[in-house]
Amino acid sequence: METAVQNPVRLGSGAVNELKRLMNEPEFDKSQYLRVGVKGGGCSGMSYILGFDKKEDDDEVHEIQGIPVVMKKAHGIYLFGIEVDFEDGLNARGFVFKNPNASSTCGCGSSFAV
């Protein structure tokens, strides 16, 4: 019997398009993964981590819509159910985090509290 494993993070269509665009750039290091995580700091207590990085021994590896993603297992409790998307509008351009588990977020949307 196989057990389905749910990815802890979702990627919105805007994020998928922008990440694939970046990964298809000629200078992109194909050995890197998308790292999603958290760290202490920010005006609400915790900040998000998003960037390309090498896989480390204690990382969990996921494939989300064709994008290889790594994250620390301990970060799963903060990230489970989160959606990362990319906005390209007049007022904001960049990756945004939509965290349904956050008890509060900052005005810029890059930090949160649980």
PDB file of N, CA and C in Angstrom:
ATOM      1  N   MET A   1       0.851  -1.182   0.000  1.00  0.00           N
ATOM      2  CA  MET A   1       0.000   0.000   0.000  1.00  0.00           C
ATOM      3  C   MET A   1       0.894   1.241   0.000  1.00  0.00           C
ATOM      4  N   GLU A   2       0.638   2.152  -0.917  1.00  0.00           N
ATOM      5  CA  GLU A   2       1.413   3.389  -1.001  1.00  0.00           C
ATOM      6  C   GLU A   2       0.730   4.477  -0.191  1.00  0.00           C
ATOM      7  N   THR A   3       1.549   5.313   0.424  1.00  0.00           N
ATOM      8  CA  THR A   3       1.036   6.444   1.179  1.00  0.00           C
ATOM      9  C   THR A   3       1.334   7.717   0.398  1.00  0.00           C
ATOM     10  N   ALA A   4       0.319   8.512   0.179  1.00  0.00           N
ATOM     11  CA  ALA A   4       0.514   9.783  -0.527  1.00  0.00           C
ATOM     12  C   ALA A   4       1.096  10.795   0.447  1.00  0.00           C
ATOM     13  N   VAL A   5       2.156  11.442   0.042  1.00  0.00           N
ATOM     14  CA  VAL A   5       2.774  12.469   0.871  1.00  0.00           C
ATOM     15  C   VAL A   5       2.392  13.823   0.291  1.00  0.00           C
ATOM     16  N   GLN A   6       1.791  14.640   1.139  1.00  0.00           N
ATOM     17  CA  GLN A   6       1.377  15.967   0.699  1.00  0.00           C
ATOM     18  C   GLN A   6       2.559  16.920   0.814  1.00  0.00           C
ATOM     19  N   ASN A   7       2.765  17.732  -0.199  1.00  0.00           N
ATOM     20  CA  ASN A   7       3.814  18.737  -0.132  1.00  0.00           C
ATOM     21  C   ASN A   7       3.427  19.777   0.915  1.00  0.00           C
ATOM     22  N   PRO A   8       4.359  20.195   1.754  1.00  0.00           N
ATOM     23  CA  PRO A   8       4.035  21.152   2.805  1.00  0.00           C
ATOM     24  C   PRO A   8       3.774  22.562   2.276  1.00  0.00           C
ATOM     25  N   VAL A   9       4.280  22.864   1.082  1.00  0.00           N
ATOM     26  CA  VAL A   9       4.190  24.201   0.513  1.00  0.00           C
ATOM     27  C   VAL A   9       3.540  24.107  -0.862  1.00  0.00           C
ATOM     28  N   ARG A  10       2.709  25.089  -1.196  1.00  0.00           N
ATOM     29  CA  ARG A  10       2.131  25.180  -2.536  1.00  0.00           C
ATOM     30  C   ARG A  10       2.787  26.348  -3.264  1.00  0.00           C
ATOM     31  N   LEU A  11       2.909  26.209  -4.560  1.00  0.00           N
ATOM     32  CA  LEU A  11       3.420  27.288  -5.399  1.00  0.00           C
ATOM     33  C   LEU A  11       2.295  27.756  -6.310  1.00  0.00           C
ATOM     34  N   GLY A  12       2.001  29.034  -6.272  1.00  0.00           N
ATOM     35  CA  GLY A  12       0.999  29.609  -7.153  1.00  0.00           C
ATOM     36  C   GLY A  12       1.511  29.650  -8.583  1.00  0.00           C
ATOM     37  N   SER A  13       0.619  29.844  -9.528  1.00  0.00           N
ATOM     38  CA  SER A  13       1.021  29.821 -10.938  1.00  0.00           C
ATOM     39  C   SER A  13       2.025  30.924 -11.260  1.00  0.00           C
ATOM     40  N   GLY A  14       1.891  32.093 -10.644  1.00  0.00           N
ATOM     41  CA  GLY A  14       2.853  33.166 -10.872  1.00  0.00           C
ATOM     42  C   GLY A  14       4.243  32.783 -10.391  1.00  0.00           C
ATOM     43  N   ALA A  15       4.313  32.128  -9.231  1.00  0.00           N
ATOM     44  CA  ALA A  15       5.606  31.687  -8.691  1.00  0.00           C
ATOM     45  C   ALA A  15       6.219  30.614  -9.574  1.00  0.00           C
ATOM     46  N   VAL A  16       5.413  29.652 -10.026  1.00  0.00           N
ATOM     47  CA  VAL A  16       5.922  28.581 -10.888  1.00  0.00           C
ATOM     48  C   VAL A  16       6.500  29.176 -12.165  1.00  0.00           C
ATOM     49  N   ASN A  17       5.778  30.101 -12.773  1.00  0.00           N
ATOM     50  CA  ASN A  17       6.259  30.718 -14.020  1.00  0.00           C
ATOM     51  C   ASN A  17       7.559  31.473 -13.802  1.00  0.00           C
ATOM     52  N   GLU A  18       7.648  32.255 -12.729  1.00  0.00           N
ATOM     53  CA  GLU A  18       8.859  33.042 -12.478  1.00  0.00           C
ATOM     54  C   GLU A  18      10.037  32.137 -12.099  1.00  0.00           C
ATOM     55  N   LEU A  19       9.798  31.113 -11.282  1.00  0.00           N
ATOM     56  CA  LEU A  19      10.880  30.200 -10.899  1.00  0.00           C
ATOM     57  C   LEU A  19      11.414  29.440 -12.112  1.00  0.00           C
ATOM     58  N   LYS A  20      10.523  28.966 -12.962  1.00  0.00           N
ATOM     59  CA  LYS A  20      10.973  28.251 -14.159  1.00  0.00           C
ATOM     60  C   LYS A  20      11.727  29.188 -15.100  1.00  0.00           C
ATOM     61  N   ARG A  21      11.301  30.450 -15.176  1.00  0.00           N
ATOM     62  CA  ARG A  21      12.020  31.428 -15.992  1.00  0.00           C
ATOM     63  C   ARG A  21      13.446  31.595 -15.457  1.00  0.00           C
ATOM     64  N   LEU A  22      13.582  31.741 -14.137  1.00  0.00           N
ATOM     65  CA  LEU A  22      14.906  31.891 -13.534  1.00  0.00           C
ATOM     66  C   LEU A  22      15.759  30.640 -13.735  1.00  0.00           C
ATOM     67  N   MET A  23      15.149  29.467 -13.598  1.00  0.00           N
ATOM     68  CA  MET A  23      15.883  28.208 -13.729  1.00  0.00           C
ATOM     69  C   MET A  23      16.325  27.944 -15.170  1.00  0.00           C
ATOM     70  N   ASN A  24      15.678  28.585 -16.128  1.00  0.00           N
ATOM     71  CA  ASN A  24      16.043  28.407 -17.533  1.00  0.00           C
ATOM     72  C   ASN A  24      17.063  29.426 -18.029  1.00  0.00           C
ATOM     73  N   GLU A  25      17.481  30.327 -17.149  1.00  0.00           N
ATOM     74  CA  GLU A  25      18.526  31.286 -17.519  1.00  0.00           C
ATOM     75  C   GLU A  25      19.831  30.520 -17.753  1.00  0.00           C
ATOM     76  N   PRO A  26      20.637  30.923 -18.741  1.00  0.00           N
ATOM     77  CA  PRO A  26      21.873  30.184 -19.062  1.00  0.00           C
ATOM     78  C   PRO A  26      22.844  30.065 -17.893  1.00  0.00           C
ATOM     79  N   GLU A  27      22.903  31.062 -17.025  1.00  0.00           N
ATOM     80  CA  GLU A  27      23.865  31.030 -15.924  1.00  0.00           C
ATOM     81  C   GLU A  27      23.346  30.313 -14.669  1.00  0.00           C
ATOM     82  N   PHE A  28      22.123  29.765 -14.719  1.00  0.00           N
ATOM     83  CA  PHE A  28      21.566  29.095 -13.546  1.00  0.00           C
ATOM     84  C   PHE A  28      22.328  27.808 -13.243  1.00  0.00           C
ATOM     85  N   ASP A  29      22.693  27.601 -11.977  1.00  0.00           N
ATOM     86  CA  ASP A  29      23.387  26.398 -11.515  1.00  0.00           C
ATOM     87  C   ASP A  29      22.357  25.285 -11.328  1.00  0.00           C
ATOM     88  N   LYS A  30      22.335  24.323 -12.237  1.00  0.00           N
ATOM     89  CA  LYS A  30      21.322  23.262 -12.253  1.00  0.00           C
ATOM     90  C   LYS A  30      21.421  22.322 -11.050  1.00  0.00           C
ATOM     91  N   SER A  31      22.495  22.417 -10.257  1.00  0.00           N
ATOM     92  CA  SER A  31      22.624  21.562  -9.075  1.00  0.00           C
ATOM     93  C   SER A  31      21.893  22.151  -7.868  1.00  0.00           C
ATOM     94  N   GLN A  32      21.329  23.336  -8.017  1.00  0.00           N
ATOM     95  CA  GLN A  32      20.663  23.981  -6.891  1.00  0.00           C
ATOM     96  C   GLN A  32      19.172  23.663  -6.850  1.00  0.00           C
ATOM     97  N   TYR A  33      18.636  23.763  -5.643  1.00  0.00           N
ATOM     98  CA  TYR A  33      17.224  23.536  -5.364  1.00  0.00           C
ATOM     99  C   TYR A  33      16.615  24.853  -4.887  1.00  0.00           C
ATOM    100  N   LEU A  34      15.300  24.946  -4.945  1.00  0.00           N
ATOM    101  CA  LEU A  34      14.617  26.069  -4.336  1.00  0.00           C
ATOM    102  C   LEU A  34      14.521  25.780  -2.836  1.00  0.00           C
ATOM    103  N   ARG A  35      15.075  26.657  -2.017  1.00  0.00           N
ATOM    104  CA  ARG A  35      14.992  26.483  -0.562  1.00  0.00           C
ATOM    105  C   ARG A  35      13.867  27.367  -0.028  1.00  0.00           C
ATOM    106  N   VAL A  36      12.955  26.731   0.715  1.00  0.00           N
ATOM    107  CA  VAL A  36      11.879  27.434   1.400  1.00  0.00           C
ATOM    108  C   VAL A  36      12.070  27.157   2.881  1.00  0.00           C
ATOM    109  N   GLY A  37      12.032  28.197   3.693  1.00  0.00           N
ATOM    110  CA  GLY A  37      12.237  28.003   5.121  1.00  0.00           C
ATOM    111  C   GLY A  37      11.848  29.226   5.918  1.00  0.00           C
ATOM    112  N   VAL A  38      12.229  29.208   7.189  1.00  0.00           N
ATOM    113  CA  VAL A  38      11.977  30.322   8.101  1.00  0.00           C
ATOM    114  C   VAL A  38      13.228  30.569   8.923  1.00  0.00           C
ATOM    115  N   LYS A  39      13.307  31.761   9.474  1.00  0.00           N
ATOM    116  CA  LYS A  39      14.379  32.096  10.407  1.00  0.00           C
ATOM    117  C   LYS A  39      13.820  33.102  11.400  1.00  0.00           C
ATOM    118  N   GLY A  40      14.439  33.171  12.556  1.00  0.00           N
ATOM    119  CA  GLY A  40      14.025  34.143  13.549  1.00  0.00           C
ATOM    120  C   GLY A  40      14.333  35.544  13.068  1.00  0.00           C
ATOM    121  N   GLY A  41      13.456  36.483  13.391  1.00  0.00           N
ATOM    122  CA  GLY A  41      13.676  37.878  13.015  1.00  0.00           C
ATOM    123  C   GLY A  41      12.488  38.457  12.294  1.00  0.00           C
ATOM    124  N   GLY A  42      12.609  39.688  11.898  1.00  0.00           N
ATOM    125  CA  GLY A  42      11.495  40.368  11.251  1.00  0.00           C
ATOM    126  C   GLY A  42      10.614  41.024  12.295  1.00  0.00           C
ATOM    127  N   CYS A  43       9.771  41.918  11.875  1.00  0.00           N
ATOM    128  CA  CYS A  43       8.964  42.686  12.829  1.00  0.00           C
ATOM    129  C   CYS A  43       7.872  41.861  13.503  1.00  0.00           C
ATOM    130  N   SER A  44       7.553  40.683  12.978  1.00  0.00           N
ATOM    131  CA  SER A  44       6.526  39.839  13.602  1.00  0.00           C
ATOM    132  C   SER A  44       7.110  38.604  14.289  1.00  0.00           C
ATOM    133  N   GLY A  45       8.416  38.432  14.265  1.00  0.00           N
ATOM    134  CA  GLY A  45       9.027  37.324  15.001  1.00  0.00           C
ATOM    135  C   GLY A  45       9.745  36.303  14.140  1.00  0.00           C
ATOM    136  N   MET A  46       9.215  35.972  12.974  1.00  0.00           N
ATOM    137  CA  MET A  46       9.849  35.012  12.086  1.00  0.00           C
ATOM    138  C   MET A  46       9.788  35.553  10.666  1.00  0.00           C
ATOM    139  N   SER A  47      10.839  35.260   9.881  1.00  0.00           N
ATOM    140  CA  SER A  47      10.895  35.695   8.491  1.00  0.00           C
ATOM    141  C   SER A  47      10.984  34.483   7.575  1.00  0.00           C
ATOM    142  N   TYR A  48      10.498  34.639   6.362  1.00  0.00           N
ATOM    143  CA  TYR A  48      10.556  33.573   5.373  1.00  0.00           C
ATOM    144  C   TYR A  48      11.911  33.563   4.674  1.00  0.00           C
ATOM    145  N   ILE A  49      12.322  32.372   4.256  1.00  0.00           N
ATOM    146  CA  ILE A  49      13.518  32.182   3.438  1.00  0.00           C
ATOM    147  C   ILE A  49      13.054  31.627   2.097  1.00  0.00           C
ATOM    148  N   LEU A  50      13.522  32.212   1.014  1.00  0.00           N
ATOM    149  CA  LEU A  50      13.214  31.726  -0.322  1.00  0.00           C
ATOM    150  C   LEU A  50      14.403  32.060  -1.207  1.00  0.00           C
ATOM    151  N   GLY A  51      14.995  31.034  -1.805  1.00  0.00           N
ATOM    152  CA  GLY A  51      16.133  31.260  -2.685  1.00  0.00           C
ATOM    153  C   GLY A  51      16.686  29.943  -3.172  1.00  0.00           C
ATOM    154  N   PHE A  52      17.591  29.998  -4.104  1.00  0.00           N
ATOM    155  CA  PHE A  52      18.210  28.787  -4.625  1.00  0.00           C
ATOM    156  C   PHE A  52      19.433  28.449  -3.781  1.00  0.00           C
ATOM    157  N   ASP A  53      19.603  27.155  -3.493  1.00  0.00           N
ATOM    158  CA  ASP A  53      20.639  26.720  -2.565  1.00  0.00           C
ATOM    159  C   ASP A  53      21.001  25.268  -2.849  1.00  0.00           C
ATOM    160  N   LYS A  54      22.136  24.846  -2.328  1.00  0.00           N
ATOM    161  CA  LYS A  54      22.553  23.447  -2.400  1.00  0.00           C
ATOM    162  C   LYS A  54      21.758  22.635  -1.375  1.00  0.00           C
ATOM    163  N   LYS A  55      21.528  21.383  -1.677  1.00  0.00           N
ATOM    164  CA  LYS A  55      20.868  20.470  -0.746  1.00  0.00           C
ATOM    165  C   LYS A  55      21.847  20.128   0.371  1.00  0.00           C
ATOM    166  N   GLU A  56      21.347  20.125   1.601  1.00  0.00           N
ATOM    167  CA  GLU A  56      22.134  19.747   2.766  1.00  0.00           C
ATOM    168  C   GLU A  56      21.653  18.390   3.268  1.00  0.00           C
ATOM    169  N   ASP A  57      22.491  17.730   4.066  1.00  0.00           N
ATOM    170  CA  ASP A  57      22.196  16.366   4.518  1.00  0.00           C
ATOM    171  C   ASP A  57      20.867  16.243   5.262  1.00  0.00           C
ATOM    172  N   ASP A  58      20.495  17.256   6.026  1.00  0.00           N
ATOM    173  CA  ASP A  58      19.273  17.158   6.833  1.00  0.00           C
ATOM    174  C   ASP A  58      18.058  17.798   6.164  1.00  0.00           C
ATOM    175  N   ASP A  59      18.115  18.008   4.854  1.00  0.00           N
ATOM    176  CA  ASP A  59      16.989  18.583   4.119  1.00  0.00           C
ATOM    177  C   ASP A  59      15.991  17.514   3.699  1.00  0.00           C
ATOM    178  N   GLU A  60      14.724  17.896   3.679  1.00  0.00           N
ATOM    179  CA  GLU A  60      13.694  17.108   3.017  1.00  0.00           C
ATOM    180  C   GLU A  60      13.627  17.612   1.574  1.00  0.00           C
ATOM    181  N   VAL A  61      13.425  16.710   0.644  1.00  0.00           N
ATOM    182  CA  VAL A  61      13.340  17.090  -0.765  1.00  0.00           C
ATOM    183  C   VAL A  61      11.920  16.832  -1.254  1.00  0.00           C
ATOM    184  N   HIS A  62      11.364  17.806  -1.940  1.00  0.00           N
ATOM    185  CA  HIS A  62      10.028  17.707  -2.522  1.00  0.00           C
ATOM    186  C   HIS A  62      10.123  18.168  -3.971  1.00  0.00           C
ATOM    187  N   GLU A  63       9.240  17.671  -4.798  1.00  0.00           N
ATOM    188  CA  GLU A  63       9.109  18.224  -6.138  1.00  0.00           C
ATOM    189  C   GLU A  63       7.714  18.806  -6.233  1.00  0.00           C
ATOM    190  N   ILE A  64       7.663  20.105  -6.483  1.00  0.00           N
ATOM    191  CA  ILE A  64       6.390  20.808  -6.534  1.00  0.00           C
ATOM    192  C   ILE A  64       6.244  21.409  -7.926  1.00  0.00           C
ATOM    193  N   GLN A  65       5.326  20.885  -8.690  1.00  0.00           N
ATOM    194  CA  GLN A  65       5.047  21.340 -10.056  1.00  0.00           C
ATOM    195  C   GLN A  65       6.315  21.404 -10.898  1.00  0.00           C
ATOM    196  N   GLY A  66       7.139  20.362 -10.783  1.00  0.00           N
ATOM    197  CA  GLY A  66       8.345  20.257 -11.578  1.00  0.00           C
ATOM    198  C   GLY A  66       9.532  21.032 -11.038  1.00  0.00           C
ATOM    199  N   ILE A  67       9.390  21.635  -9.864  1.00  0.00           N
ATOM    200  CA  ILE A  67      10.473  22.423  -9.270  1.00  0.00           C
ATOM    201  C   ILE A  67      10.999  21.672  -8.048  1.00  0.00           C
ATOM    202  N   PRO A  68      12.313  21.349  -8.027  1.00  0.00           N
ATOM    203  CA  PRO A  68      12.881  20.671  -6.865  1.00  0.00           C
ATOM    204  C   PRO A  68      13.009  21.645  -5.690  1.00  0.00           C
ATOM    205  N   VAL A  69      12.415  21.264  -4.562  1.00  0.00           N
ATOM    206  CA  VAL A  69      12.353  22.132  -3.382  1.00  0.00           C
ATOM    207  C   VAL A  69      12.982  21.412  -2.201  1.00  0.00           C
ATOM    208  N   VAL A  70      13.795  22.136  -1.414  1.00  0.00           N
ATOM    209  CA  VAL A  70      14.348  21.593  -0.178  1.00  0.00           C
ATOM    210  C   VAL A  70      13.904  22.466   0.982  1.00  0.00           C
ATOM    211  N   MET A  71      13.760  21.814   2.134  1.00  0.00           N
ATOM    212  CA  MET A  71      13.456  22.537   3.365  1.00  0.00           C
ATOM    213  C   MET A  71      13.872  21.699   4.549  1.00  0.00           C
ATOM    214  N   LYS A  72      14.161  22.348   5.649  1.00  0.00           N
ATOM    215  CA  LYS A  72      14.484  21.653   6.886  1.00  0.00           C
ATOM    216  C   LYS A  72      13.199  21.058   7.454  1.00  0.00           C
ATOM    217  N   LYS A  73      13.287  19.828   7.949  1.00  0.00           N
ATOM    218  CA  LYS A  73      12.097  19.160   8.492  1.00  0.00           C
ATOM    219  C   LYS A  73      11.471  19.983   9.609  1.00  0.00           C
ATOM    220  N   ALA A  74      12.299  20.595  10.438  1.00  0.00           N
ATOM    221  CA  ALA A  74      11.793  21.388  11.561  1.00  0.00           C
ATOM    222  C   ALA A  74      10.980  22.602  11.110  1.00  0.00           C
ATOM    223  N   HIS A  75      11.176  23.060   9.890  1.00  0.00           N
ATOM    224  CA  HIS A  75      10.449  24.223   9.396  1.00  0.00           C
ATOM    225  C   HIS A  75       9.033  23.864   8.953  1.00  0.00           C
ATOM    226  N   GLY A  76       8.765  22.575   8.790  1.00  0.00           N
ATOM    227  CA  GLY A  76       7.461  22.140   8.315  1.00  0.00           C
ATOM    228  C   GLY A  76       6.308  22.618   9.171  1.00  0.00           C
ATOM    229  N   ILE A  77       6.508  22.696  10.489  1.00  0.00           N
ATOM    230  CA  ILE A  77       5.410  23.136  11.360  1.00  0.00           C
ATOM    231  C   ILE A  77       5.031  24.595  11.106  1.00  0.00           C
ATOM    232  N   TYR A  78       5.979  25.387  10.611  1.00  0.00           N
ATOM    233  CA  TYR A  78       5.698  26.792  10.321  1.00  0.00           C
ATOM    234  C   TYR A  78       5.204  26.999   8.892  1.00  0.00           C
ATOM    235  N   LEU A  79       5.558  26.079   7.997  1.00  0.00           N
ATOM    236  CA  LEU A  79       5.288  26.281   6.575  1.00  0.00           C
ATOM    237  C   LEU A  79       4.137  25.455   6.023  1.00  0.00           C
ATOM    238  N   PHE A  80       3.661  24.449   6.760  1.00  0.00           N
ATOM    239  CA  PHE A  80       2.642  23.565   6.216  1.00  0.00           C
ATOM    240  C   PHE A  80       1.395  24.361   5.838  1.00  0.00           C
ATOM    241  N   GLY A  81       0.991  24.233   4.582  1.00  0.00           N
ATOM    242  CA  GLY A  81      -0.199  24.907   4.081  1.00  0.00           C
ATOM    243  C   GLY A  81       0.056  26.273   3.467  1.00  0.00           C
ATOM    244  N   ILE A  82       1.288  26.731   3.512  1.00  0.00           N
ATOM    245  CA  ILE A  82       1.620  28.054   2.978  1.00  0.00           C
ATOM    246  C   ILE A  82       1.618  28.023   1.452  1.00  0.00           C
ATOM    247  N   GLU A  83       1.275  29.153   0.843  1.00  0.00           N
ATOM    248  CA  GLU A  83       1.374  29.287  -0.604  1.00  0.00           C
ATOM    249  C   GLU A  83       2.354  30.411  -0.924  1.00  0.00           C
ATOM    250  N   VAL A  84       3.293  30.115  -1.812  1.00  0.00           N
ATOM    251  CA  VAL A  84       4.237  31.111  -2.311  1.00  0.00           C
ATOM    252  C   VAL A  84       3.774  31.469  -3.718  1.00  0.00           C
ATOM    253  N   ASP A  85       3.627  32.755  -3.969  1.00  0.00           N
ATOM    254  CA  ASP A  85       3.228  33.187  -5.300  1.00  0.00           C
ATOM    255  C   ASP A  85       4.116  34.354  -5.734  1.00  0.00           C
ATOM    256  N   PHE A  86       3.936  34.790  -6.955  1.00  0.00           N
ATOM    257  CA  PHE A  86       4.700  35.905  -7.495  1.00  0.00           C
ATOM    258  C   PHE A  86       3.724  36.919  -8.044  1.00  0.00           C
ATOM    259  N   GLU A  87       3.876  38.179  -7.619  1.00  0.00           N
ATOM    260  CA  GLU A  87       3.012  39.251  -8.105  1.00  0.00           C
ATOM    261  C   GLU A  87       3.833  40.209  -8.945  1.00  0.00           C
ATOM    262  N   ASP A  88       3.226  40.664 -10.009  1.00  0.00           N
ATOM    263  CA  ASP A  88       3.889  41.579 -10.920  1.00  0.00           C
ATOM    264  C   ASP A  88       2.923  42.717 -11.229  1.00  0.00           C
ATOM    265  N   GLY A  89       2.677  43.542 -10.212  1.00  0.00           N
ATOM    266  CA  GLY A  89       1.710  44.619 -10.380  1.00  0.00           C
ATOM    267  C   GLY A  89       2.354  45.982 -10.247  1.00  0.00           C
ATOM    268  N   LEU A  90       1.530  47.020 -10.315  1.00  0.00           N
ATOM    269  CA  LEU A  90       2.025  48.384 -10.209  1.00  0.00           C
ATOM    270  C   LEU A  90       2.536  48.694  -8.805  1.00  0.00           C
ATOM    271  N   ASN A  91       1.880  48.159  -7.790  1.00  0.00           N
ATOM    272  CA  ASN A  91       2.251  48.472  -6.412  1.00  0.00           C
ATOM    273  C   ASN A  91       3.283  47.519  -5.830  1.00  0.00           C
ATOM    274  N   ALA A  92       3.370  46.326  -6.357  1.00  0.00           N
ATOM    275  CA  ALA A  92       4.296  45.343  -5.789  1.00  0.00           C
ATOM    276  C   ALA A  92       4.764  44.385  -6.872  1.00  0.00           C
ATOM    277  N   ARG A  93       6.050  44.005  -6.786  1.00  0.00           N
ATOM    278  CA  ARG A  93       6.589  43.011  -7.693  1.00  0.00           C
ATOM    279  C   ARG A  93       7.490  42.125  -6.880  1.00  0.00           C
ATOM    280  N   GLY A  94       7.215  40.839  -6.896  1.00  0.00           N
ATOM    281  CA  GLY A  94       8.059  39.903  -6.176  1.00  0.00           C
ATOM    282  C   GLY A  94       7.276  38.731  -5.621  1.00  0.00           C
ATOM    283  N   PHE A  95       7.990  37.885  -4.890  1.00  0.00           N
ATOM    284  CA  PHE A  95       7.380  36.708  -4.292  1.00  0.00           C
ATOM    285  C   PHE A  95       6.628  37.119  -3.035  1.00  0.00           C
ATOM    286  N   VAL A  96       5.463  36.528  -2.857  1.00  0.00           N
ATOM    287  CA  VAL A  96       4.637  36.793  -1.680  1.00  0.00           C
ATOM    288  C   VAL A  96       4.297  35.468  -1.011  1.00  0.00           C
ATOM    289  N   PHE A  97       4.094  35.534   0.300  1.00  0.00           N
ATOM    290  CA  PHE A  97       3.799  34.359   1.107  1.00  0.00           C
ATOM    291  C   PHE A  97       2.405  34.508   1.695  1.00  0.00           C
ATOM    292  N   LYS A  98       1.581  33.489   1.476  1.00  0.00           N
ATOM    293  CA  LYS A  98       0.225  33.478   2.032  1.00  0.00           C
ATOM    294  C   LYS A  98       0.171  32.335   3.031  1.00  0.00           C
ATOM    295  N   ASN A  99       0.202  32.678   4.323  1.00  0.00           N
ATOM    296  CA  ASN A  99       0.284  31.681   5.383  1.00  0.00           C
ATOM    297  C   ASN A  99      -1.011  31.660   6.185  1.00  0.00           C
ATOM    298  N   PRO A 100      -1.848  30.637   5.986  1.00  0.00           N
ATOM    299  CA  PRO A 100      -3.117  30.573   6.713  1.00  0.00           C
ATOM    300  C   PRO A 100      -2.937  30.285   8.201  1.00  0.00           C
ATOM    301  N   ASN A 101      -1.738  29.853   8.617  1.00  0.00           N
ATOM    302  CA  ASN A 101      -1.485  29.506  10.013  1.00  0.00           C
ATOM    303  C   ASN A 101      -0.928  30.665  10.833  1.00  0.00           C
ATOM    304  N   ALA A 102      -0.588  31.765  10.192  1.00  0.00           N
ATOM    305  CA  ALA A 102       0.021  32.892  10.903  1.00  0.00           C
ATOM    306  C   ALA A 102      -1.025  33.592  11.767  1.00  0.00           C
ATOM    307  N   SER A 103      -0.655  33.866  13.037  1.00  0.00           N
ATOM    308  CA  SER A 103      -1.560  34.608  13.906  1.00  0.00           C
ATOM    309  C   SER A 103      -1.485  36.098  13.620  1.00  0.00           C
ATOM    310  N   SER A 104      -0.344  36.551  13.081  1.00  0.00           N
ATOM    311  CA  SER A 104      -0.199  37.938  12.642  1.00  0.00           C
ATOM    312  C   SER A 104       0.917  37.999  11.611  1.00  0.00           C
ATOM    313  N   THR A 105       0.847  39.021  10.773  1.00  0.00           N
ATOM    314  CA  THR A 105       1.897  39.239   9.771  1.00  0.00           C
ATOM    315  C   THR A 105       2.265  40.711   9.801  1.00  0.00           C
ATOM    316  N   CYS A 106       3.399  41.031   9.211  1.00  0.00           N
ATOM    317  CA  CYS A 106       3.815  42.430   9.135  1.00  0.00           C
ATOM    318  C   CYS A 106       3.218  43.060   7.881  1.00  0.00           C
ATOM    319  N   GLY A 107       3.340  44.355   7.786  1.00  0.00           N
ATOM    320  CA  GLY A 107       2.790  45.079   6.638  1.00  0.00           C
ATOM    321  C   GLY A 107       3.425  44.696   5.320  1.00  0.00           C
ATOM    322  N   CYS A 108       4.704  44.325   5.344  1.00  0.00           N
ATOM    323  CA  CYS A 108       5.383  43.995   4.079  1.00  0.00           C
ATOM    324  C   CYS A 108       5.163  42.534   3.687  1.00  0.00           C
ATOM    325  N   GLY A 109       4.615  41.708   4.591  1.00  0.00           N
ATOM    326  CA  GLY A 109       4.311  40.317   4.274  1.00  0.00           C
ATOM    327  C   GLY A 109       5.499  39.376   4.289  1.00  0.00           C
ATOM    328  N   SER A 110       6.641  39.842   4.798  1.00  0.00           N
ATOM    329  CA  SER A 110       7.812  38.956   4.807  1.00  0.00           C
ATOM    330  C   SER A 110       8.109  38.371   6.167  1.00  0.00           C
ATOM    331  N   SER A 111       7.323  38.745   7.198  1.00  0.00           N
ATOM    332  CA  SER A 111       7.501  38.107   8.503  1.00  0.00           C
ATOM    333  C   SER A 111       6.138  37.804   9.106  1.00  0.00           C
ATOM    334  N   PHE A 112       6.131  36.926  10.105  1.00  0.00           N
ATOM    335  CA  PHE A 112       4.877  36.453  10.666  1.00  0.00           C
ATOM    336  C   PHE A 112       5.075  35.968  12.089  1.00  0.00           C
ATOM    337  N   ALA A 113       3.996  35.738  12.785  1.00  0.00           N
ATOM    338  CA  ALA A 113       4.004  35.136  14.113  1.00  0.00           C
ATOM    339  C   ALA A 113       3.028  33.963  14.102  1.00  0.00           C
ATOM    340  N   VAL A 114       3.315  32.966  14.933  1.00  0.00           N
ATOM    341  CA  VAL A 114       2.416  31.811  15.046  1.00  0.00           C
ATOM    342  C   VAL A 114       1.886  31.686  16.445  1.00  0.00           C
TER     343      VAL A 114
END
